[in-house]
């Protein structure tokens, strides 16, 4: 709730029925009175919190202890001292008046006909009235902020209204800390100093707990709050030249709630647009180019000419989609797919490489996007396995046939095809003989010489290989399959 709303001591003194008279400390009558405490103790401070109007009849006060008594009250931070006359003292002791004057402590004479309880009631009524006025001001400000939020400019209008309500400045920032809108004197200068506080807020809120940062200096008081229900989607920063009152805190909280609704509602629209883009991607890959482009145009977008390059990125979908900027991007399966003009593909892929492995296909027309995405996926698979963050299909193709194969499928194929040769019980090394035969392109003499055996021995072994694998080694396709199986095994 914040500090208790309190009336000024001057307001309490002016209450006509009480008949209070100020004898010292008139210059400090603007102090807030947070409660009334009645005590006849020589040292009541252990029972005080500060901000009270202390009432006493001075039963234990005299010229000897008046100075220390006033000193203890001042050190405790009381609002003032009310002295009831007509009981223990017909008048307030002069030593007490002098001590209060020296210390600047408001000293008020309470007539005998004014009960202390009447002063307590008056202060309680004033606190209630101040609290009601505070609530009224807060509700009125909330109403004005809500009406601003309903205007076409929405969040911008809320920021403008908030700066006027506080008499200071207000800034709306996006998730990355970029200024979306600002209002109020000094806002532009303050925006450049918020970076460290935004980073601090990101660390504080990383566990999901809501938090805010408050900064104070003699010249300015600042509050920075994150915006968003499930995750941080932006920030609100406000600054004024005085301490934030409970009303000001209430106004800031109301503005933050309205802005959170706005950014979350905008997030729902963004999610819907992303679902449409995923549908457009499926249409394009299915060859329904006209339908896909027409759907995209309904979003106010279009594919930027031909040829296009398919880019597949395996980073966090939320992060990658944000990083895509104005490029066509859609989440699909376990990666995000972008369709980028060929002239920008290199720069886009390099930027996305900071967020995860990236595969880049070859340039393709709208009708060939399926093949382009297949290439990007093959390149992405290589990027996931290797150390390079960005892999282009053109570079991958230059690394040989094996780099284009799925590693798991190729290994399973190799094990199954070569299993009979590994299990062959003879001392003859059929795998080594087959490898030499294929490396020598089927030349018997060259292969036999490499193995150090007679060519008839090699012919015998190849007949055993053909029988065990059930393949005709004279068939070029069979020899290619066996070469791939041996290369994978190696």
Protein backbone atom coordinates (compact mmCIF):
# COMPACT_ATOMS: atom_id res chain seq x y z
CA UNK A 1 0.00 0.00 0.00
CA UNK A 2 2.92 2.36 0.77
CA UNK A 3 3.09 4.96 3.54
CA UNK A 4 -0.04 5.93 5.46
CA UNK A 5 -1.69 9.05 4.09
CA UNK A 6 -1.35 11.67 6.84
CA UNK A 7 -2.65 15.21 7.46
CA UNK A 8 -0.23 18.03 8.19
CA UNK A 9 0.22 19.17 11.77
CA UNK A 10 -0.91 22.62 10.68
CA UNK A 11 -4.25 21.09 9.59
CA UNK A 12 -4.68 19.48 13.02
CA UNK A 13 -3.88 22.74 14.78
CA UNK A 14 -6.44 24.66 12.69
CA UNK A 15 -9.31 22.45 13.84
CA UNK A 16 -11.34 25.19 15.62
CA UNK A 17 -13.09 23.04 18.27
CA UNK A 18 -9.76 21.84 19.64
CA UNK A 19 -8.43 25.27 20.64
CA UNK A 20 -4.78 24.31 20.15
CA UNK A 21 -2.11 27.04 20.44
CA UNK A 22 1.37 26.77 18.92
CA UNK A 23 4.12 27.90 21.30
CA UNK A 24 7.25 26.64 19.46
CA UNK A 25 8.38 25.14 16.15
CA UNK A 26 5.86 26.98 13.99
CA UNK A 27 8.18 26.65 10.98
CA UNK A 28 7.82 22.83 11.12
CA UNK A 29 4.02 22.62 11.13
CA UNK A 30 4.01 21.02 7.67
CA UNK A 31 5.08 17.70 9.19
CA UNK A 32 2.63 14.84 8.58
CA UNK A 33 0.87 13.43 11.65
CA UNK A 34 0.59 9.68 11.19
CA UNK A 35 -0.95 8.96 14.59
CA UNK A 36 -1.55 10.29 18.10
CA UNK A 37 0.27 8.82 21.12
CA UNK A 38 -0.59 9.66 24.73
CA UNK A 39 2.19 9.05 27.25
CA UNK A 40 3.29 10.32 30.66
CA UNK A 41 6.57 8.45 30.51
CA UNK A 42 9.81 10.37 30.85
CA UNK A 43 11.04 8.42 27.81
CA UNK A 44 8.15 7.26 25.56
CA UNK A 45 10.35 6.74 22.49
CA UNK A 46 10.59 2.91 22.78
CA UNK A 47 6.85 2.84 22.10
CA UNK A 48 6.91 5.25 19.12
CA UNK A 49 7.55 4.69 15.39
CA UNK A 50 8.04 8.32 14.34
CA UNK A 51 5.53 10.74 12.88
CA UNK A 52 3.27 10.78 15.97
CA UNK A 53 1.78 13.78 17.75
CA UNK A 54 2.75 12.99 21.36
CA UNK A 55 0.29 14.19 24.02
CA UNK A 56 1.26 14.58 27.68
CA UNK A 57 0.25 16.46 30.84
CA UNK A 58 3.89 16.65 31.92
CA UNK A 59 3.51 14.65 35.13
CA UNK A 60 7.22 13.73 35.08
CA UNK A 61 8.56 16.87 33.41
CA UNK A 62 10.39 19.73 35.12
CA UNK A 63 13.15 22.20 34.36
CA UNK A 64 15.80 19.51 34.93
CA UNK A 65 14.67 16.93 32.38
CA UNK A 66 12.79 19.05 29.81
CA UNK A 67 15.81 19.38 27.48
CA UNK A 68 16.68 15.65 27.35
CA UNK A 69 12.98 14.80 26.93
CA UNK A 70 12.67 17.04 23.87
CA UNK A 71 15.95 15.68 22.48
CA UNK A 72 14.69 12.11 22.66
CA UNK A 73 11.44 13.02 20.87
CA UNK A 74 13.31 14.85 18.11
CA UNK A 75 15.69 11.93 17.62
CA UNK A 76 12.71 9.59 17.28
CA UNK A 77 11.22 11.79 14.58
CA UNK A 78 7.89 12.70 16.18
CA UNK A 79 5.66 15.22 14.39
CA UNK A 80 5.10 17.38 17.45
CA UNK A 81 4.35 17.58 21.17
CA UNK A 82 0.98 18.50 22.63
CA UNK A 83 1.01 19.62 26.27
CA UNK A 84 -2.24 19.51 28.23
CA UNK A 85 -2.45 22.32 30.82
CA UNK A 86 -4.68 22.58 33.87
CA UNK A 87 -3.80 19.23 35.45
CA UNK A 88 -0.15 18.71 36.40
CA UNK A 89 0.82 22.21 35.20
CA UNK A 90 -1.29 25.37 34.93
CA UNK A 91 1.02 26.54 32.13
CA UNK A 92 3.65 24.86 30.01
CA UNK A 93 7.03 24.94 31.81
CA UNK A 94 9.29 27.62 30.36
CA UNK A 95 12.19 25.18 30.17
CA UNK A 96 10.11 22.93 27.89
CA UNK A 97 9.17 25.85 25.61
CA UNK A 98 12.82 26.93 25.36
CA UNK A 99 14.01 23.36 24.62
CA UNK A 100 11.36 22.88 21.91
CA UNK A 101 12.25 26.25 20.37
CA UNK A 102 15.94 25.37 20.23
CA UNK A 103 15.22 21.93 18.72
CA UNK A 104 12.62 23.19 16.22
CA UNK A 105 10.03 20.79 17.65
CA UNK A 106 6.43 21.98 17.27
CA UNK A 107 5.00 22.45 20.78
CA UNK A 108 1.23 22.86 21.07
CA UNK A 109 -0.73 23.89 24.15
CA UNK A 110 -3.86 21.79 24.70
CA UNK A 111 -6.58 23.53 26.79
CA UNK A 112 -7.95 21.66 29.81
CA UNK A 113 -11.37 21.51 28.14
CA UNK A 114 -9.98 19.62 25.13
CA UNK A 115 -9.75 15.86 25.86
CA UNK A 116 -6.80 14.05 24.34
CA UNK A 117 -9.26 11.58 22.83
CA UNK A 118 -10.84 14.43 20.87
CA UNK A 119 -7.45 15.14 19.26
CA UNK A 120 -7.07 11.45 18.48
CA UNK A 121 -10.49 11.36 16.83
CA UNK A 122 -9.74 14.48 14.82
CA UNK A 123 -6.47 13.05 13.50
CA UNK A 124 -8.19 9.74 12.64
CA UNK A 125 -10.92 11.59 10.71
CA UNK A 126 -8.34 13.64 8.85
CA UNK A 127 -6.37 10.49 7.92
CA UNK A 128 -9.57 8.88 6.64
CA UNK A 129 -10.39 12.01 4.62
CA UNK A 130 -6.88 12.14 3.15
CA UNK A 131 -7.10 8.48 2.27
CA UNK A 132 -10.46 9.00 0.55
CA UNK A 133 -9.06 11.93 -1.41
CA UNK A 134 -6.09 9.79 -2.41
CA UNK A 135 -8.34 6.99 -3.64
CA UNK A 136 -10.48 9.49 -5.51
CA UNK A 137 -7.43 10.98 -7.24
CA UNK A 138 -6.13 7.51 -8.05
CA UNK A 139 -9.47 6.36 -9.50
CA UNK A 140 -9.78 9.54 -11.56
CA UNK A 141 -6.26 9.06 -12.95
CA UNK A 142 -6.99 5.41 -13.73
CA UNK A 143 -10.09 6.46 -15.63
CA UNK A 144 -8.13 8.95 -17.72
CA UNK A 145 -5.45 6.34 -18.44
CA UNK A 146 -8.09 3.78 -19.46
CA UNK A 147 -9.71 6.25 -21.86
CA UNK A 148 -6.26 6.94 -23.31
CA UNK A 149 -5.68 3.19 -23.80
CA UNK A 150 -8.90 2.99 -25.86
CA UNK A 151 -7.68 5.59 -28.33
CA UNK A 152 -6.38 4.40 -31.72
CA UNK A 153 -2.76 5.04 -30.76
CA UNK A 154 -3.25 2.91 -27.61
CA UNK A 155 0.08 2.50 -25.74
CA UNK A 156 1.42 5.80 -27.06
CA UNK A 157 -1.60 7.64 -25.66
CA UNK A 158 -1.13 5.90 -22.29
CA UNK A 159 2.49 7.09 -22.13
CA UNK A 160 1.47 10.66 -22.98
CA UNK A 161 -1.28 10.63 -20.35
CA UNK A 162 0.97 9.06 -17.70
CA UNK A 163 3.63 11.76 -18.14
CA UNK A 164 0.96 14.44 -17.62
CA UNK A 165 -0.55 12.70 -14.59
CA UNK A 166 2.83 12.46 -12.86
CA UNK A 167 4.19 15.78 -13.98
CA UNK A 168 7.34 14.01 -15.15
CA UNK A 169 8.40 11.76 -18.01
CA UNK A 170 7.42 8.28 -19.21
CA UNK A 171 9.08 5.89 -21.68
CA UNK A 172 7.79 2.72 -23.36
CA UNK A 173 10.53 0.32 -24.49
CA UNK A 174 10.33 -2.95 -26.38
CA UNK A 175 11.75 -6.29 -25.24
CA UNK A 176 15.20 -5.46 -26.60
CA UNK A 177 15.26 -2.08 -24.83
CA UNK A 178 14.60 0.07 -27.92
CA UNK A 179 12.39 3.12 -27.31
CA UNK A 180 8.92 2.76 -28.81
CA UNK A 181 7.52 6.02 -27.44
CA UNK A 182 8.41 8.66 -24.87
CA UNK A 183 6.78 11.76 -23.40
CA UNK A 184 7.62 14.46 -20.90
CA UNK A 185 10.53 16.77 -20.29
CA UNK A 186 13.82 14.92 -19.88
CA UNK A 187 12.53 11.64 -21.33
CA UNK A 188 14.96 11.58 -24.26
CA UNK A 189 17.97 12.11 -21.97
CA UNK A 190 16.75 9.47 -19.50
CA UNK A 191 16.22 6.87 -22.23
CA UNK A 192 19.93 6.68 -22.91
CA UNK A 193 20.73 5.81 -19.29
CA UNK A 194 18.32 2.90 -18.82
CA UNK A 195 20.43 0.10 -20.33
CA UNK A 196 21.99 -1.18 -17.08
CA UNK A 197 18.64 -1.13 -15.27
CA UNK A 198 16.92 -3.07 -18.07
CA UNK A 199 19.64 -5.73 -17.91
CA UNK A 200 19.26 -5.87 -14.14
CA UNK A 201 15.50 -6.35 -14.52
CA UNK A 202 16.01 -9.15 -17.04
CA UNK A 203 18.16 -11.00 -14.50
CA UNK A 204 15.68 -10.40 -11.67
CA UNK A 205 12.68 -11.57 -13.70
CA UNK A 206 14.41 -14.54 -15.36
CA UNK A 207 12.82 -16.84 -12.77
CA UNK A 208 9.35 -15.61 -13.69
CA UNK A 209 8.73 -13.48 -10.60
CA UNK A 210 7.45 -9.93 -11.28
CA UNK A 211 9.84 -7.20 -10.21
CA UNK A 212 10.64 -3.53 -10.64
CA UNK A 213 13.63 -1.26 -10.10
CA UNK A 214 13.45 2.04 -8.21
CA UNK A 215 16.22 4.66 -8.42
CA UNK A 216 16.48 7.81 -6.34
CA UNK A 217 18.70 10.88 -6.41
CA UNK A 218 18.28 14.41 -5.03
CA UNK A 219 17.09 15.56 -8.44
CA UNK A 220 15.00 12.64 -9.68
CA UNK A 221 13.14 9.48 -8.68
CA UNK A 222 12.73 6.72 -11.30
CA UNK A 223 10.76 3.47 -11.50
CA UNK A 224 11.38 0.84 -14.22
CA UNK A 225 8.92 -2.04 -14.62
CA UNK A 226 8.80 -5.03 -16.99
CA UNK A 227 5.68 -5.54 -19.10
CA UNK A 228 4.21 -8.93 -19.95
CA UNK A 229 2.19 -11.69 -18.31
CA UNK A 230 4.21 -14.84 -19.08
CA UNK A 231 7.49 -13.33 -20.21
CA UNK A 232 9.01 -9.88 -20.58
CA UNK A 233 7.64 -8.21 -23.70
CA UNK A 234 8.73 -4.65 -22.95
CA UNK A 235 9.48 -2.11 -20.22
CA UNK A 236 7.88 0.98 -18.70
CA UNK A 237 10.11 3.67 -17.18
CA UNK A 238 8.81 6.78 -15.37
CA UNK A 239 10.61 9.62 -13.61
CA UNK A 240 9.59 12.59 -11.46
CA UNK A 241 11.43 15.23 -9.48
CA UNK A 242 10.07 14.14 -6.08
CA UNK A 243 9.37 10.94 -4.16
CA UNK A 244 6.58 8.74 -5.47
CA UNK A 245 3.44 9.13 -3.37
CA UNK A 246 0.94 6.28 -2.92
CA UNK A 247 -1.23 7.98 -5.57
CA UNK A 248 1.71 8.09 -7.98
CA UNK A 249 2.48 4.41 -7.34
CA UNK A 250 -1.16 3.53 -8.02
CA UNK A 251 -1.12 5.51 -11.27
CA UNK A 252 2.10 3.82 -12.42
CA UNK A 253 0.69 0.37 -11.58
CA UNK A 254 -2.50 1.13 -13.54
CA UNK A 255 -0.49 2.27 -16.57
CA UNK A 256 1.71 -0.83 -16.39
CA UNK A 257 -1.38 -3.07 -16.33
CA UNK A 258 -2.90 -1.32 -19.35
CA UNK A 259 0.37 -1.53 -21.27
CA UNK A 260 0.76 -5.22 -20.39
CA UNK A 261 -2.72 -5.88 -21.79
CA UNK A 262 -1.73 -4.01 -24.94
CA UNK A 263 1.52 -5.91 -25.51
CA UNK A 264 -0.09 -9.27 -24.71
CA UNK A 265 -2.99 -8.53 -27.06
CA UNK A 266 -0.46 -7.57 -29.69
CA UNK A 267 1.31 -10.85 -28.98
CA UNK A 268 -1.92 -12.77 -29.72
CA UNK A 269 -2.19 -11.02 -33.08
CA UNK A 270 1.45 -11.87 -33.77
CA UNK A 271 0.84 -15.53 -32.90
CA UNK A 272 -2.14 -15.61 -35.30
CA UNK A 273 -0.03 -14.08 -38.08
CA UNK A 274 2.67 -16.69 -37.47
CA UNK A 275 0.11 -19.48 -37.84
CA UNK A 276 -1.00 -17.99 -41.15
CA UNK A 277 2.60 -17.84 -42.37
CA UNK A 278 3.06 -21.50 -41.49
CA UNK A 279 -0.02 -22.30 -43.57
CA UNK A 280 1.34 -20.20 -46.44
CA UNK A 281 4.61 -22.12 -46.30
CA UNK A 282 2.76 -25.43 -46.54
CA UNK A 283 0.81 -24.14 -49.57
CA UNK A 284 4.01 -23.04 -51.32
CA UNK A 285 5.76 -26.33 -50.64
CA UNK A 286 2.74 -28.20 -51.97
CA UNK A 287 3.04 -26.29 -55.25
CA UNK A 288 -0.03 -24.10 -54.63
CA UNK A 289 1.93 -20.93 -55.30
CA UNK A 290 -1.00 -18.73 -56.31
CA UNK A 291 -3.03 -19.59 -53.21
CA UNK A 292 -0.02 -19.10 -50.94
CA UNK A 293 0.86 -15.68 -52.36
CA UNK A 294 -2.77 -14.55 -52.23
CA UNK A 295 -3.03 -15.54 -48.56
CA UNK A 296 0.20 -13.72 -47.78
CA UNK A 297 -1.07 -10.56 -49.47
CA UNK A 298 -4.04 -10.56 -47.09
CA UNK A 299 -1.50 -9.99 -44.31
CA UNK A 300 -0.17 -7.02 -46.24
CA UNK A 301 3.00 -8.89 -47.21
CA UNK A 302 4.50 -10.48 -50.28
CA UNK A 303 7.47 -12.60 -51.26
CA UNK A 304 10.25 -10.41 -52.53
CA UNK A 305 10.67 -11.61 -56.09
CA UNK A 306 12.59 -14.57 -57.48
CA UNK A 307 14.85 -16.42 -57.17
CA UNK A 308 14.32 -17.17 -53.51
CA UNK A 309 16.60 -19.01 -51.10
CA UNK A 310 15.23 -21.31 -48.40
CA UNK A 311 16.99 -20.86 -45.06
CA UNK A 312 16.37 -23.31 -42.18
CA UNK A 313 17.38 -22.36 -38.62
CA UNK A 314 17.23 -24.67 -35.59
CA UNK A 315 17.43 -21.97 -32.89
CA UNK A 316 14.70 -21.02 -30.41
CA UNK A 317 11.64 -20.34 -32.61
CA UNK A 318 10.62 -17.20 -30.67
CA UNK A 319 14.11 -15.74 -30.92
CA UNK A 320 14.59 -16.68 -34.58
CA UNK A 321 11.20 -15.28 -35.62
CA UNK A 322 12.05 -12.02 -33.84
CA UNK A 323 15.47 -11.92 -35.48
CA UNK A 324 13.94 -12.54 -38.94
CA UNK A 325 12.78 -8.93 -39.05
CA UNK A 326 10.88 -8.21 -42.26
CA UNK A 327 11.75 -11.50 -43.97
CA UNK A 328 9.11 -14.15 -44.56
CA UNK A 329 9.56 -16.65 -41.73
CA UNK A 330 7.43 -19.52 -40.46
CA UNK A 331 7.88 -22.10 -37.72
CA UNK A 332 7.72 -25.59 -39.20
CA UNK A 333 8.54 -28.70 -37.23
CA UNK A 334 11.72 -28.38 -35.23
CA UNK A 335 13.07 -25.40 -37.15
CA UNK A 336 12.13 -22.01 -38.57
CA UNK A 337 12.04 -21.64 -42.36
CA UNK A 338 12.76 -18.35 -44.12
CA UNK A 339 12.26 -17.56 -47.79
CA UNK A 340 14.72 -14.82 -48.63
CA UNK A 341 15.68 -12.99 -51.80
CA UNK A 342 18.93 -14.47 -53.12
CA UNK A 343 20.70 -11.12 -52.78
CA UNK A 344 20.08 -11.02 -49.01
CA UNK A 345 20.43 -14.71 -48.18
CA UNK A 346 24.07 -14.50 -47.06
CA UNK A 347 23.51 -11.60 -44.64
CA UNK A 348 20.32 -13.13 -43.23
CA UNK A 349 21.97 -16.53 -42.69
CA UNK A 350 24.96 -14.95 -40.96
CA UNK A 351 22.68 -13.02 -38.59
CA UNK A 352 20.61 -16.11 -37.78
CA UNK A 353 23.79 -18.09 -37.12
CA UNK A 354 24.08 -16.22 -33.81
CA UNK A 355 20.90 -17.97 -32.62
CA UNK A 356 21.44 -21.55 -33.79
CA UNK A 357 22.60 -23.86 -36.62
CA UNK A 358 21.57 -22.65 -40.10
CA UNK A 359 21.22 -24.43 -43.42
CA UNK A 360 21.00 -22.52 -46.71
CA UNK A 361 19.55 -23.95 -49.93
CA UNK A 362 20.34 -22.98 -53.51
CA UNK A 363 18.35 -20.21 -55.27
CA UNK A 364 15.03 -21.49 -56.60
CA UNK A 365 11.85 -20.23 -58.22
CA UNK A 366 8.47 -20.29 -56.48
CA UNK A 367 7.66 -23.58 -58.13
CA UNK A 368 10.86 -25.23 -56.88
CA UNK A 369 10.72 -24.23 -53.23
CA UNK A 370 10.24 -27.84 -52.10
CA UNK A 371 13.61 -28.78 -53.55
CA UNK A 372 15.19 -25.63 -52.13
CA UNK A 373 13.93 -26.44 -48.63
CA UNK A 374 15.16 -30.04 -48.93
CA UNK A 375 18.59 -28.64 -49.70
CA UNK A 376 18.40 -26.26 -46.74
CA UNK A 377 17.39 -29.12 -44.44
CA UNK A 378 20.32 -31.26 -45.60
CA UNK A 379 22.65 -28.33 -44.98
CA UNK A 380 21.04 -27.76 -41.56
CA UNK A 381 21.61 -31.41 -40.64
CA UNK A 382 25.30 -30.95 -41.46
CA UNK A 383 25.43 -27.73 -39.39
CA UNK A 384 23.91 -29.56 -36.44
CA UNK A 385 26.57 -32.27 -36.65
CA UNK A 386 29.56 -30.06 -37.34
CA UNK A 387 31.23 -26.97 -35.95
CA UNK A 388 30.12 -24.47 -38.61
CA UNK A 389 27.06 -22.46 -37.56
CA UNK A 390 26.03 -21.77 -41.17
CA UNK A 391 26.25 -24.44 -43.89
CA UNK A 392 25.31 -23.83 -47.54
CA UNK A 393 24.06 -26.66 -49.69
CA UNK A 394 26.42 -25.61 -52.49
CA UNK A 395 29.40 -26.10 -50.16
CA UNK A 396 27.94 -29.35 -48.86
CA UNK A 397 27.56 -30.79 -52.35
CA UNK A 398 31.24 -30.10 -53.00
CA UNK A 399 32.21 -32.34 -50.06
CA UNK A 400 31.13 -35.52 -51.85
CA UNK A 401 28.19 -37.89 -52.03
CA UNK A 402 28.45 -39.12 -48.44
CA UNK A 403 27.88 -35.62 -47.05
CA UNK A 404 24.43 -35.65 -48.66
CA UNK A 405 23.31 -38.84 -46.92
CA UNK A 406 21.46 -39.07 -43.66
CA UNK A 407 24.08 -40.43 -41.22
CA UNK A 408 21.73 -42.77 -39.35
CA UNK A 409 20.17 -44.23 -42.47
CA UNK A 410 23.54 -44.62 -44.20
CA UNK A 411 25.05 -46.43 -41.20
CA UNK A 412 22.09 -48.81 -40.93
CA UNK A 413 22.32 -49.55 -44.67
CA UNK A 414 26.05 -50.24 -44.40
CA UNK A 415 25.69 -52.59 -41.44
CA UNK A 416 22.91 -54.58 -43.10
CA UNK A 417 24.62 -54.92 -46.50
CA UNK A 418 28.06 -55.84 -45.16
CA UNK A 419 26.96 -58.09 -42.28
CA UNK A 420 27.30 -61.36 -44.30
CA UNK A 421 30.88 -60.45 -45.20
CA UNK A 422 31.80 -59.68 -41.57
CA UNK A 423 30.29 -62.96 -40.42
CA UNK A 424 32.06 -65.09 -43.10
CA UNK A 425 34.04 -67.80 -41.32
CA UNK A 426 37.00 -68.16 -43.73
CA UNK A 427 40.36 -66.61 -43.03
CA UNK A 428 39.99 -64.62 -46.26
CA UNK A 429 39.34 -60.90 -45.68
CA UNK A 430 36.33 -60.41 -47.93
CA UNK A 431 35.80 -56.78 -46.83
CA UNK A 432 39.41 -55.83 -47.59
CA UNK A 433 39.32 -57.70 -50.92
CA UNK A 434 36.06 -56.01 -51.92
CA UNK A 435 37.46 -52.60 -51.02
CA UNK A 436 40.58 -53.15 -53.14
CA UNK A 437 38.48 -54.45 -56.03
CA UNK A 438 36.24 -51.37 -55.99
CA UNK A 439 39.09 -48.91 -55.43
CA UNK A 440 40.77 -50.32 -58.56
CA UNK A 441 37.56 -49.95 -60.57
CA UNK A 442 37.24 -53.72 -61.09
CA UNK A 443 40.70 -54.23 -62.54
CA UNK A 444 41.71 -57.73 -61.38
CA UNK A 445 45.45 -57.46 -61.79
CA UNK A 446 45.74 -54.07 -60.05
CA UNK A 447 43.52 -55.15 -57.17
CA UNK A 448 45.28 -58.53 -56.76
CA UNK A 449 48.67 -56.82 -56.76
CA UNK A 450 47.47 -54.39 -54.05
CA UNK A 451 46.30 -57.32 -51.93
CA UNK A 452 49.37 -59.45 -52.67
CA UNK A 453 47.33 -62.42 -53.97
CA UNK A 454 46.87 -64.13 -57.30
CA UNK A 455 44.10 -62.71 -59.50
CA UNK A 456 42.34 -66.10 -59.48
CA UNK A 457 42.22 -65.94 -55.69
CA UNK A 458 40.65 -62.49 -55.93
CA UNK A 459 38.09 -63.77 -58.50
CA UNK A 460 37.15 -66.55 -56.12
CA UNK A 461 36.71 -64.11 -53.26
CA UNK A 462 34.50 -61.78 -55.34
CA UNK A 463 32.31 -64.76 -56.30
CA UNK A 464 31.90 -65.45 -52.54
CA UNK A 465 31.07 -61.76 -51.97
CA UNK A 466 28.40 -61.86 -54.70
CA UNK A 467 26.89 -65.02 -53.18
CA UNK A 468 26.86 -63.66 -49.62
CA UNK A 469 25.36 -60.23 -50.41
CA UNK A 470 23.07 -61.56 -53.14
CA UNK A 471 24.25 -58.99 -55.65
CA UNK A 472 25.76 -59.08 -59.16
CA UNK A 473 29.12 -57.30 -59.00
CA UNK A 474 29.05 -56.74 -62.75
CA UNK A 475 26.17 -54.29 -62.17
CA UNK A 476 27.53 -50.70 -61.79
CA UNK A 477 24.67 -49.81 -59.44
CA UNK A 478 25.58 -52.72 -57.15
CA UNK A 479 29.22 -51.70 -57.11
CA UNK A 480 28.13 -48.12 -56.21
CA UNK A 481 26.02 -49.37 -53.30
CA UNK A 482 28.86 -51.50 -51.99
CA UNK A 483 31.30 -48.60 -52.32
CA UNK A 484 28.96 -46.34 -50.28
CA UNK A 485 28.51 -49.07 -47.63
CA UNK A 486 32.31 -49.52 -47.33
CA UNK A 487 32.91 -45.77 -47.22
CA UNK A 488 30.37 -45.34 -44.41
CA UNK A 489 31.87 -48.25 -42.51
CA UNK A 490 35.31 -46.76 -42.90
